[in-house]
N, C-alpha and C. Protein backbone atom coordinates (compact mmCIF):
# COMPACT_ATOMS: atom_id res chain seq x y z
N MET A 1 56.42 86.52 117.26
CA MET A 1 57.79 86.59 116.79
C MET A 1 57.85 86.01 115.38
N PRO A 2 58.53 86.68 114.43
CA PRO A 2 58.60 86.18 113.05
C PRO A 2 59.34 84.86 112.97
N ARG A 3 58.94 84.06 112.01
CA ARG A 3 59.58 82.77 111.80
C ARG A 3 60.31 82.76 110.46
N GLY A 4 61.22 81.81 110.30
CA GLY A 4 61.91 81.65 109.03
C GLY A 4 63.07 82.62 108.88
N LYS A 5 63.57 82.67 107.64
CA LYS A 5 64.71 83.53 107.35
C LYS A 5 64.28 84.99 107.33
N PRO A 6 65.16 85.87 107.78
CA PRO A 6 64.83 87.30 107.67
C PRO A 6 64.81 87.70 106.20
N LYS A 7 63.92 88.64 105.86
CA LYS A 7 63.83 89.10 104.48
C LYS A 7 65.04 89.95 104.15
N THR A 8 65.58 89.72 102.97
CA THR A 8 66.68 90.55 102.49
C THR A 8 66.19 91.39 101.34
N LYS A 9 66.78 92.55 101.18
CA LYS A 9 66.39 93.42 100.08
C LYS A 9 66.90 92.82 98.77
N THR A 10 66.09 92.91 97.76
CA THR A 10 66.49 92.46 96.44
C THR A 10 66.22 93.57 95.44
N ALA A 11 66.91 93.50 94.32
CA ALA A 11 66.71 94.46 93.24
C ALA A 11 66.12 93.72 92.05
N VAL A 12 65.33 94.41 91.29
CA VAL A 12 64.70 93.82 90.11
C VAL A 12 65.57 94.11 88.90
N MET A 13 65.80 93.06 88.09
CA MET A 13 66.51 93.21 86.81
C MET A 13 65.60 92.67 85.72
N THR A 14 65.45 93.44 84.67
CA THR A 14 64.67 92.98 83.53
C THR A 14 65.61 92.90 82.35
N LEU A 15 65.59 91.78 81.65
CA LEU A 15 66.45 91.66 80.49
C LEU A 15 65.74 90.90 79.38
N ARG A 16 66.19 91.15 78.18
CA ARG A 16 65.65 90.46 77.01
C ARG A 16 66.72 89.54 76.45
N VAL A 17 66.31 88.31 76.15
CA VAL A 17 67.21 87.33 75.54
C VAL A 17 66.46 86.61 74.43
N ALA A 18 67.21 85.98 73.56
CA ALA A 18 66.60 85.19 72.50
C ALA A 18 65.82 84.04 73.12
N PRO A 19 64.73 83.63 72.49
CA PRO A 19 63.93 82.53 73.03
C PRO A 19 64.74 81.26 73.31
N VAL A 20 65.72 80.97 72.49
CA VAL A 20 66.52 79.76 72.71
C VAL A 20 67.33 79.88 74.00
N ILE A 21 67.79 81.09 74.34
CA ILE A 21 68.52 81.30 75.59
C ILE A 21 67.59 81.12 76.77
N LYS A 22 66.39 81.64 76.67
CA LYS A 22 65.39 81.49 77.74
C LYS A 22 65.09 80.01 77.97
N ASP A 23 64.87 79.27 76.87
CA ASP A 23 64.59 77.84 77.00
C ASP A 23 65.77 77.10 77.62
N ALA A 24 66.98 77.47 77.21
CA ALA A 24 68.17 76.81 77.74
C ALA A 24 68.34 77.06 79.23
N VAL A 25 68.14 78.29 79.67
CA VAL A 25 68.31 78.59 81.09
C VAL A 25 67.23 77.91 81.93
N GLU A 26 66.02 77.82 81.41
CA GLU A 26 64.96 77.11 82.14
C GLU A 26 65.28 75.62 82.27
N LEU A 27 65.79 75.02 81.19
CA LEU A 27 66.17 73.61 81.23
C LEU A 27 67.34 73.39 82.19
N ALA A 28 68.35 74.25 82.10
CA ALA A 28 69.51 74.12 82.99
C ALA A 28 69.11 74.28 84.45
N ALA A 29 68.23 75.21 84.73
CA ALA A 29 67.77 75.42 86.12
C ALA A 29 67.02 74.18 86.63
N ARG A 30 66.15 73.64 85.80
CA ARG A 30 65.41 72.42 86.20
C ARG A 30 66.38 71.28 86.48
N GLN A 31 67.35 71.10 85.60
CA GLN A 31 68.30 70.00 85.77
C GLN A 31 69.18 70.18 87.00
N ASP A 32 69.39 71.42 87.40
CA ASP A 32 70.21 71.72 88.57
C ASP A 32 69.36 71.91 89.83
N HIS A 33 68.05 71.67 89.69
CA HIS A 33 67.11 71.81 90.82
C HIS A 33 67.18 73.21 91.43
N ARG A 34 67.20 74.22 90.57
CA ARG A 34 67.25 75.62 91.00
C ARG A 34 66.14 76.38 90.29
N SER A 35 65.85 77.55 90.81
CA SER A 35 64.99 78.47 90.07
C SER A 35 65.86 79.15 89.02
N VAL A 36 65.22 79.70 88.01
CA VAL A 36 65.95 80.45 86.99
C VAL A 36 66.70 81.61 87.65
N THR A 37 66.04 82.30 88.54
CA THR A 37 66.68 83.42 89.23
C THR A 37 67.92 82.97 89.97
N ASN A 38 67.83 81.88 90.71
CA ASN A 38 68.98 81.41 91.47
C ASN A 38 70.10 80.96 90.54
N LEU A 39 69.77 80.29 89.46
CA LEU A 39 70.80 79.86 88.52
C LEU A 39 71.54 81.06 87.94
N ILE A 40 70.82 82.07 87.51
CA ILE A 40 71.45 83.25 86.94
C ILE A 40 72.32 83.94 87.99
N GLU A 41 71.83 84.03 89.22
CA GLU A 41 72.60 84.65 90.29
C GLU A 41 73.91 83.89 90.53
N VAL A 42 73.84 82.56 90.58
CA VAL A 42 75.03 81.74 90.80
C VAL A 42 76.02 81.92 89.65
N LEU A 43 75.53 81.93 88.42
CA LEU A 43 76.41 82.11 87.27
C LEU A 43 77.10 83.47 87.30
N ILE A 44 76.37 84.50 87.67
CA ILE A 44 76.96 85.85 87.76
C ILE A 44 78.01 85.89 88.87
N LEU A 45 77.70 85.31 90.02
CA LEU A 45 78.66 85.29 91.12
C LEU A 45 79.94 84.55 90.73
N ARG A 46 79.79 83.41 90.05
CA ARG A 46 80.97 82.65 89.62
C ARG A 46 81.80 83.46 88.62
N HIS A 47 81.13 84.13 87.70
CA HIS A 47 81.84 84.92 86.70
C HIS A 47 82.59 86.08 87.36
N CYS A 48 81.94 86.74 88.30
CA CYS A 48 82.60 87.83 89.03
C CYS A 48 83.83 87.30 89.77
N GLU A 49 83.69 86.15 90.38
CA GLU A 49 84.82 85.54 91.09
C GLU A 49 85.96 85.25 90.10
N ASP A 50 85.63 84.70 88.93
CA ASP A 50 86.65 84.42 87.91
C ASP A 50 87.36 85.69 87.46
N LEU A 51 86.64 86.81 87.44
CA LEU A 51 87.22 88.08 87.02
C LEU A 51 87.93 88.82 88.16
N GLY A 52 87.84 88.27 89.36
CA GLY A 52 88.48 88.90 90.51
C GLY A 52 87.70 90.07 91.08
N ILE A 53 86.41 90.11 90.83
CA ILE A 53 85.57 91.18 91.37
C ILE A 53 85.21 90.83 92.81
N ASP A 54 85.58 91.71 93.74
CA ASP A 54 85.31 91.50 95.16
C ASP A 54 83.97 92.14 95.50
N LEU A 55 82.96 91.32 95.70
CA LEU A 55 81.62 91.83 95.97
C LEU A 55 81.54 92.61 97.27
N GLU A 56 82.42 92.30 98.20
CA GLU A 56 82.42 93.01 99.49
C GLU A 56 82.82 94.47 99.33
N LYS A 57 83.53 94.79 98.26
CA LYS A 57 84.01 96.15 98.05
C LYS A 57 83.09 96.98 97.16
N LEU A 58 82.05 96.38 96.62
CA LEU A 58 81.13 97.11 95.75
C LEU A 58 80.16 97.94 96.57
N PRO A 59 79.83 99.14 96.12
CA PRO A 59 78.82 99.93 96.82
C PRO A 59 77.45 99.28 96.63
N ILE A 60 76.63 99.39 97.62
CA ILE A 60 75.28 98.84 97.54
C ILE A 60 74.36 99.94 97.03
N THR A 61 73.68 99.66 95.94
CA THR A 61 72.73 100.63 95.39
C THR A 61 71.33 100.24 95.82
N GLU A 62 70.55 101.22 96.15
CA GLU A 62 69.18 100.98 96.57
C GLU A 62 68.30 100.78 95.36
N SER A 63 67.40 99.80 95.43
CA SER A 63 66.46 99.55 94.35
C SER A 63 65.40 100.66 94.34
N THR A 64 65.01 101.07 93.15
CA THR A 64 63.99 102.12 93.04
C THR A 64 62.60 101.56 92.80
N SER A 65 62.49 100.24 92.79
CA SER A 65 61.15 99.67 92.54
C SER A 65 60.45 99.29 93.82
């Protein structure tokens, strides 16, 4: 029987940012005891909430990778 959390599907995002932004997000993630990925995800979720975007109503797109 499998142990731990069930695997959830994830999508890959690739983006380019200025080196200073990359350094800043890495520092912020370390200070918040998060991974860079988790920090970015949390920031996006908070921003969507601030904008009134209801994630439950968004269509789910399948990752092609």
